[in-house]
Protein backbone atom coordinates (compact mmCIF):
# COMPACT_ATOMS: atom_id res chain seq x y z
CA MET A 1 -23.99 -24.50 15.79
CA ASN A 2 -20.83 -27.09 16.08
CA ALA A 3 -18.53 -25.96 19.33
CA SER A 4 -15.13 -26.19 16.59
CA GLU A 5 -16.79 -24.31 13.43
CA PRO A 6 -15.72 -20.60 13.69
CA THR A 7 -18.35 -17.96 14.67
CA LEU A 8 -19.32 -14.72 13.07
CA PHE A 9 -16.80 -12.58 15.67
CA ASP A 10 -13.68 -14.81 14.68
CA GLY A 11 -12.90 -13.02 11.49
CA ALA A 12 -13.12 -16.78 10.02
CA VAL A 13 -15.67 -18.44 7.49
CA ARG A 14 -17.07 -21.54 7.75
CA SER A 15 -16.06 -24.13 5.01
CA THR A 16 -20.02 -23.74 4.25
CA ASP A 17 -20.01 -20.26 3.17
CA PRO A 18 -20.20 -19.09 -0.28
CA ALA A 19 -16.95 -17.61 -2.22
CA THR A 20 -17.90 -13.90 -2.11
CA SER A 21 -18.07 -14.85 1.58
CA ARG A 22 -14.14 -16.07 1.47
CA ILE A 23 -13.32 -12.82 -0.74
CA ALA A 24 -14.63 -10.53 1.38
CA ALA A 25 -13.75 -12.14 4.62
CA ALA A 26 -9.89 -11.70 2.67
CA LEU A 27 -10.43 -8.08 2.01
CA LYS A 28 -11.23 -7.08 5.64
CA ARG A 29 -7.98 -8.43 6.40
CA THR A 30 -6.01 -6.66 4.05
CA THR A 31 -5.43 -2.75 6.28
CA LEU A 32 -5.25 0.21 3.87
CA ARG A 33 -1.59 0.37 3.84
CA ASP A 34 -1.43 -3.13 2.57
CA ARG A 35 -3.95 -1.95 -0.38
CA VAL A 36 -1.47 1.24 -1.03
CA GLU A 37 0.94 -0.78 -1.17
CA ALA A 38 -0.24 -2.86 -3.68
CA ALA A 39 -1.62 0.22 -5.81
CA LEU A 40 1.95 1.80 -5.83
CA ARG A 41 3.51 -1.43 -7.22
CA ALA A 42 0.92 -1.90 -9.35
CA ALA A 43 1.51 1.94 -10.74
CA GLY A 44 4.62 0.30 -11.78
CA ARG A 45 7.47 3.11 -13.37
CA SER A 46 4.65 5.58 -13.88
CA GLY A 47 4.33 6.07 -10.45
CA ALA A 48 1.35 7.81 -8.81
CA THR A 49 -0.23 10.85 -7.08
CA ASP A 50 -1.68 10.50 -3.90
CA TRP A 51 -4.88 11.47 -5.63
CA GLU A 52 -4.20 9.19 -7.75
CA LEU A 53 -4.07 6.10 -5.38
CA THR A 54 -6.76 7.74 -3.15
CA ASP A 55 -8.63 6.97 -6.61
CA LEU A 56 -7.52 3.76 -8.06
CA LEU A 57 -8.21 2.14 -4.23
CA GLY A 58 -11.91 3.31 -5.17
CA LEU A 59 -11.75 5.67 -1.86
CA GLY A 60 -13.24 9.58 -1.89
CA PRO A 61 -11.24 12.29 -1.21
CA GLU A 62 -11.48 12.62 2.54
CA ASP A 63 -9.47 9.66 2.31
CA LYS A 64 -6.36 11.25 0.59
CA PRO A 65 -4.93 12.39 3.82
CA SER A 66 -4.76 8.70 5.47
CA VAL A 67 -3.53 7.43 1.53
CA GLY A 68 -0.57 10.13 1.94
CA LYS A 69 -0.13 9.03 5.17
CA ARG A 70 0.28 4.87 4.56
CA ARG A 71 2.31 5.80 1.68
CA GLN A 72 4.37 7.29 3.83
CA GLU A 73 5.20 3.97 5.82
CA CYS A 74 5.22 2.35 2.31
CA ARG A 75 8.62 4.88 1.89
CA ALA A 76 7.35 5.83 -1.87
CA VAL A 77 9.99 7.83 -3.18
CA ASP A 78 9.51 11.46 -4.91
CA SER A 79 10.12 10.85 -8.90
CA GLY A 80 10.89 14.40 -9.56
CA VAL A 81 8.26 14.47 -11.39
CA ARG A 82 4.49 16.46 -10.82
CA ARG A 83 0.85 16.23 -12.64
CA LYS A 84 -2.20 17.97 -11.66
CA THR A 85 -4.41 17.54 -9.51
CA PRO A 86 -8.13 17.78 -10.08
CA LYS A 87 -8.04 20.99 -9.30
CA GLY A 88 -5.36 22.13 -11.09
CA LEU A 89 -2.55 22.42 -8.74
CA ALA A 90 1.27 20.33 -9.09
CA ALA A 91 1.65 16.68 -7.26
CA VAL A 92 4.37 14.73 -6.52
CA VAL A 93 4.63 11.37 -9.10
CA TRP A 94 5.42 8.70 -6.14
CA LEU A 95 6.98 5.63 -6.53
CA HIS A 96 7.17 2.33 -5.13
CA PRO A 97 10.88 2.02 -3.40
CA GLU A 98 11.30 -1.12 -5.67
CA TRP A 99 10.90 0.51 -8.72
CA ALA A 100 12.50 3.94 -7.21
CA TRP A 101 15.80 1.36 -7.04
CA ALA A 102 15.35 0.59 -10.60
CA ALA A 103 15.11 3.83 -11.99
CA GLY A 104 18.44 4.61 -9.95
CA ARG A 105 16.49 6.80 -7.08
CA ALA A 106 16.98 6.22 -3.58
CA ALA A 107 14.63 6.01 -0.80
CA ALA A 108 15.11 9.26 1.32
């Protein structure tokens, strides 16, 4: 191996790596917070519950508390709407701050 070429532990891909390796490396650098924020933004004016965010991100029910914490970090805003969880309970529908602002709802 060339001394100037990154190693496996550098977190970068080599110029000879296939495109799938480049995609995987980019995904690994994306934090859960970034993914939650992108999902909230993508949910648009419809918003999303923590359960829906967890599902959108392809995570399991055990990850819902982490998703909720990351959603708080994104300063998501309560839309005032409630949707049912898989167990039939009412859950807050959250909006990305940009969508909340557009809808006239201020961040807390």
